[in-house]
Amino acid sequence: MRIGIACHPSHGGSGVVATELGKSLAQRGHSVHFVVYDVPFRLGGSDENIMVHRVDPPNYAVFKSPPHDLALANLMAEVAWKYQLDVMHVHYAIPYAICALLAKQMVNHSFRLVTTLHGTDVTVLGESPSLKRLIEFGINQSDAVTAVSDNLVAQSKEKFTITVPVQRIYNFVDLVEYRRQDVSEERLKFAAPHEKILLHISNFRPVKRTKDVISIFDQIQKQIPAKLLLVGEGPEWFAVKQYVKKLGIA
């Protein structure tokens, strides 16, 4: 099959899952096309079955900010037409499902749209009156909809008027790549043998509550020798570093 994937290419979980799914599909012989604003950080090496198409929104003085979503829809349509995509799989209803629906109309409905809902679609964006009807539209016009947990399925039905089935498909781990190994030498780079390691991976947005993680760790390390590893990047990174310094646990 010829499959398009649209996702946030950052350190967030949705981008990780989308990228790993694309890599696995490519390994099975499918042609995979990532339509993104940057190369997904987990994409790694090269695969002849994977292509990356980067959106390049124009800078035009009339607009307060570059029209990224319209440029993305246009690129989706171009990729779908040129490579005759069978499926476009988007992670997040906003903006990706809406962009894909516009692209689908532009190429005369030539591909099926699969939308995967993640937490922010429902728990954050779903609270905004300015986006609620748009999210509903993106969900209900998709050919298939999935969510990453039973709780998210339930919340989606609670917050939105949904007229299509929402199937729960859990996030996954590649057990071939991620298996138990002896990492004792690698571990020594981060902590002494007697120290526990706590790990927080996110895109450091307020909803990830990274400061709460640090506050909890501050209490833990007063009782148990431990190290906290913060992995990722995002808008709160500077504030996080300042908070660590404030607590004196750097």
Protein backbone atom coordinates (compact mmCIF):
# COMPACT_ATOMS: atom_id res chain seq x y z
CA MET A 1 0.00 0.00 0.00
CA ARG A 2 0.94 3.67 -0.37
CA ILE A 3 0.48 5.37 2.98
CA GLY A 4 0.82 9.01 4.04
CA ILE A 5 1.51 9.90 7.67
CA ALA A 6 1.13 13.36 9.22
CA CYS A 7 2.28 14.00 12.77
CA HIS A 8 4.17 16.33 15.08
CA PRO A 9 7.82 15.38 14.47
CA SER A 10 8.90 16.50 17.97
CA HIS A 11 9.70 14.47 21.11
CA GLY A 12 6.03 13.98 22.04
CA GLY A 13 4.57 10.50 22.25
CA SER A 14 2.25 10.94 19.26
CA GLY A 15 5.18 11.69 16.97
CA VAL A 16 7.13 8.74 18.33
CA VAL A 17 4.25 6.32 17.74
CA ALA A 18 3.56 7.71 14.26
CA THR A 19 7.22 7.43 13.29
CA GLU A 20 7.66 3.91 14.63
CA LEU A 21 4.46 2.82 12.90
CA GLY A 22 5.72 4.27 9.62
CA LYS A 23 9.07 2.52 9.99
CA SER A 24 7.37 -0.81 10.71
CA LEU A 25 5.05 -0.45 7.71
CA ALA A 26 8.04 0.37 5.49
CA GLN A 27 9.84 -2.75 6.72
CA ARG A 28 6.82 -4.77 5.62
CA GLY A 29 7.17 -3.40 2.10
CA HIS A 30 4.62 -0.59 2.14
CA SER A 31 5.49 2.80 0.66
CA VAL A 32 5.37 5.39 3.46
CA HIS A 33 5.28 9.17 2.98
CA PHE A 34 5.73 11.45 6.00
CA VAL A 35 4.13 14.85 5.42
CA VAL A 36 5.61 17.03 8.16
CA TYR A 37 7.18 20.41 8.96
CA ASP A 38 10.45 18.72 9.97
CA VAL A 39 12.09 15.30 9.85
CA PRO A 40 10.75 13.20 12.77
CA PHE A 41 13.53 12.85 15.32
CA ARG A 42 12.96 9.08 15.64
CA LEU A 43 13.13 8.40 11.92
CA GLY A 44 16.83 7.60 12.01
CA GLY A 45 18.66 6.02 9.04
CA SER A 46 17.37 5.56 5.54
CA ASP A 47 14.81 3.21 4.06
CA GLU A 48 13.98 3.07 0.37
CA ASN A 49 10.30 2.70 1.28
CA ILE A 50 10.19 5.96 3.28
CA MET A 51 10.01 9.47 1.90
CA VAL A 52 9.78 12.72 3.88
CA HIS A 53 7.91 15.68 2.42
CA ARG A 54 8.46 18.93 4.34
CA VAL A 55 5.89 21.70 4.30
CA ASP A 56 7.26 25.14 3.52
CA PRO A 57 4.62 27.78 4.33
CA PRO A 58 5.09 31.13 2.55
CA ASN A 59 5.85 34.30 4.46
CA TYR A 60 3.36 36.92 3.37
CA ALA A 61 3.02 40.30 5.07
CA VAL A 62 -0.79 40.20 5.13
CA PHE A 63 -0.77 37.19 7.48
CA LYS A 64 0.10 37.60 11.15
CA SER A 65 1.88 34.24 10.92
CA PRO A 66 2.70 31.95 7.97
CA PRO A 67 -0.36 29.91 6.85
CA HIS A 68 1.13 26.57 7.90
CA ASP A 69 -2.14 24.62 7.87
CA LEU A 70 -3.09 25.69 4.35
CA ALA A 71 0.41 24.92 3.08
CA LEU A 72 0.19 21.51 4.78
CA ALA A 73 -3.16 20.73 3.13
CA ASN A 74 -1.72 21.73 -0.23
CA LEU A 75 1.33 19.49 0.28
CA MET A 76 -0.86 16.58 1.37
CA ALA A 77 -2.86 16.96 -1.83
CA GLU A 78 0.31 17.10 -3.95
CA VAL A 79 1.78 13.98 -2.31
CA ALA A 80 -1.53 12.10 -2.50
CA TRP A 81 -1.88 12.92 -6.20
CA LYS A 82 1.73 12.31 -7.22
CA TYR A 83 2.14 9.03 -5.34
CA GLN A 84 -1.48 7.88 -5.55
CA LEU A 85 -1.81 7.34 -1.80
CA ASP A 86 -4.27 4.71 -0.59
CA VAL A 87 -4.39 5.97 3.00
CA MET A 88 -3.52 9.13 4.89
CA HIS A 89 -2.99 8.43 8.60
CA VAL A 90 -2.99 11.58 10.71
CA HIS A 91 -2.11 11.90 14.39
CA TYR A 92 -4.30 14.61 15.97
CA ALA A 93 -7.56 15.91 14.58
CA ILE A 94 -6.23 19.49 14.78
CA PRO A 95 -4.75 20.45 12.45
CA TYR A 96 -3.97 17.25 10.60
CA ALA A 97 -7.40 15.69 10.05
CA ILE A 98 -8.81 19.02 8.87
CA CYS A 99 -5.87 19.53 6.50
CA ALA A 100 -6.25 15.99 5.18
CA LEU A 101 -9.98 16.48 4.56
CA LEU A 102 -9.23 19.58 2.50
CA ALA A 103 -6.52 17.69 0.61
CA LYS A 104 -8.94 14.81 0.03
CA GLN A 105 -11.42 17.15 -1.63
CA MET A 106 -8.64 18.67 -3.74
CA VAL A 107 -7.75 15.25 -5.19
CA ASN A 108 -11.36 14.15 -5.54
CA HIS A 109 -11.50 11.82 -2.50
CA SER A 110 -8.76 9.54 -3.80
CA PHE A 111 -7.54 8.25 -0.40
CA ARG A 112 -8.97 6.98 2.87
CA LEU A 113 -8.42 9.06 5.99
CA VAL A 114 -7.52 7.46 9.33
CA THR A 115 -7.40 9.81 12.32
CA THR A 116 -5.74 8.84 15.59
CA LEU A 117 -6.77 10.91 18.59
CA HIS A 118 -4.22 11.69 21.28
CA GLY A 119 -4.70 13.36 24.65
CA THR A 120 -4.35 16.99 23.61
CA ASP A 121 -7.13 16.66 21.01
CA VAL A 122 -9.60 15.93 23.78
CA THR A 123 -8.24 17.15 27.11
CA VAL A 124 -6.91 20.54 25.95
CA LEU A 125 -8.15 21.53 22.50
CA GLY A 126 -11.56 19.99 23.19
CA GLU A 127 -12.13 22.55 25.94
CA SER A 128 -11.83 25.44 23.50
CA PRO A 129 -15.16 26.64 22.05
CA SER A 130 -13.28 28.05 19.07
CA LEU A 131 -12.12 24.56 18.02
CA LYS A 132 -14.74 22.12 19.31
CA ARG A 133 -16.93 22.00 16.20
CA LEU A 134 -13.85 21.77 14.00
CA ILE A 135 -12.55 18.78 15.97
CA GLU A 136 -15.98 17.13 15.72
CA PHE A 137 -15.98 17.70 11.98
CA GLY A 138 -12.51 16.21 11.57
CA ILE A 139 -13.46 13.13 13.57
CA ASN A 140 -16.85 12.52 11.97
CA GLN A 141 -15.59 12.99 8.40
CA SER A 142 -12.72 10.51 8.84
CA ASP A 143 -13.05 7.04 7.31
CA ALA A 144 -11.70 5.47 10.51
CA VAL A 145 -10.91 6.87 13.96
CA THR A 146 -8.71 5.41 16.67
CA ALA A 147 -7.70 6.54 20.15
CA VAL A 148 -4.80 5.39 22.29
CA SER A 149 -6.74 4.34 25.41
CA ASP A 150 -10.22 3.34 26.61
CA ASN A 151 -10.28 6.46 28.77
CA LEU A 152 -9.60 8.67 25.76
CA VAL A 153 -12.37 6.94 23.80
CA ALA A 154 -14.76 7.61 26.69
CA GLN A 155 -13.67 11.25 27.05
CA SER A 156 -14.01 11.79 23.29
CA LYS A 157 -17.61 10.61 23.36
CA GLU A 158 -18.25 12.73 26.45
CA LYS A 159 -16.89 15.98 25.07
CA PHE A 160 -17.90 15.69 21.41
CA THR A 161 -20.89 14.63 19.36
CA ILE A 162 -19.33 11.71 17.51
CA THR A 163 -21.25 9.80 14.86
CA VAL A 164 -18.54 7.29 13.87
CA PRO A 165 -16.97 4.38 15.79
CA VAL A 166 -13.80 5.17 17.74
CA GLN A 167 -11.56 2.13 18.08
CA ARG A 168 -9.04 1.84 20.90
CA ILE A 169 -5.57 0.85 19.69
CA TYR A 170 -2.92 1.08 22.35
CA ASN A 171 0.45 2.69 21.77
CA PHE A 172 2.99 -0.01 21.16
CA VAL A 173 6.61 -0.97 21.76
CA ASP A 174 8.78 -2.79 19.23
CA LEU A 175 9.92 -5.79 21.28
CA VAL A 176 12.60 -6.65 18.75
CA GLU A 177 14.37 -3.34 19.30
CA TYR A 178 13.34 -2.64 22.89
CA ARG A 179 14.30 -5.73 24.85
CA ARG A 180 16.09 -6.41 28.11
CA GLN A 181 19.82 -5.85 27.74
CA ASP A 182 22.80 -5.37 30.00
CA VAL A 183 23.15 -1.58 30.18
CA SER A 184 25.14 -1.42 33.40
CA GLU A 185 28.05 0.37 31.71
CA GLU A 186 25.72 2.88 30.05
CA ARG A 187 23.89 3.42 33.34
CA LEU A 188 27.10 4.51 35.06
CA LYS A 189 27.14 7.61 32.82
CA PHE A 190 24.06 8.90 34.62
CA ALA A 191 24.07 7.49 38.15
CA ALA A 192 26.09 5.50 40.67
CA PRO A 193 25.14 1.81 41.13
CA HIS A 194 23.36 2.53 44.44
CA GLU A 195 21.26 5.36 43.00
CA LYS A 196 17.79 4.98 41.54
CA ILE A 197 17.02 6.62 38.18
CA LEU A 198 13.77 8.44 37.46
CA LEU A 199 13.11 9.26 33.80
CA HIS A 200 10.75 11.89 32.36
CA ILE A 201 10.40 12.14 28.57
CA SER A 202 8.15 14.79 27.03
CA ASN A 203 7.92 17.86 24.84
CA PHE A 204 7.95 20.11 27.92
CA ARG A 205 4.60 21.77 27.48
CA PRO A 206 2.59 22.94 30.54
CA VAL A 207 0.18 20.00 30.18
CA LYS A 208 3.09 17.60 30.78
CA ARG A 209 3.51 19.05 34.32
CA THR A 210 7.28 18.72 34.29
CA LYS A 211 7.63 21.01 37.31
CA ASP A 212 5.46 18.60 39.30
CA VAL A 213 7.82 15.79 38.28
CA ILE A 214 10.75 17.83 39.60
CA SER A 215 8.93 18.64 42.86
CA ILE A 216 8.18 14.96 43.41
CA PHE A 217 11.77 14.04 42.66
CA ASP A 218 12.94 16.66 45.15
CA GLN A 219 11.04 14.83 47.88
CA ILE A 220 12.24 11.41 46.73
CA GLN A 221 15.92 12.28 46.62
CA LYS A 222 15.78 13.51 50.23
CA GLN A 223 15.00 9.94 51.30
CA ILE A 224 16.48 7.75 48.55
CA PRO A 225 19.71 8.31 46.58
CA ALA A 226 18.39 9.06 43.09
CA LYS A 227 18.92 10.91 39.83
CA LEU A 228 16.27 12.43 37.57
CA LEU A 229 16.80 12.39 33.81
CA LEU A 230 14.79 14.90 31.78
CA VAL A 231 14.68 14.02 28.09
CA GLY A 232 13.13 16.17 25.37
CA GLU A 233 12.64 19.76 24.33
CA GLY A 234 9.86 22.30 24.32
CA PRO A 235 8.58 25.73 25.35
CA GLU A 236 8.99 25.16 29.11
CA TRP A 237 12.58 23.93 28.94
CA PHE A 238 14.12 27.19 30.16
CA ALA A 239 11.58 27.49 33.00
CA VAL A 240 12.28 23.87 33.96
CA LYS A 241 16.01 24.55 34.23
CA GLN A 242 15.35 27.64 36.34
CA TYR A 243 13.08 25.64 38.64
CA VAL A 244 15.76 22.98 39.12
CA LYS A 245 18.24 25.69 40.08
CA LYS A 246 15.72 27.28 42.45
CA LEU A 247 15.33 23.98 44.34
CA GLY A 248 19.09 23.51 44.38
CA ILE A 249 19.01 19.99 42.97
CA ALA A 250 20.97 20.57 39.74
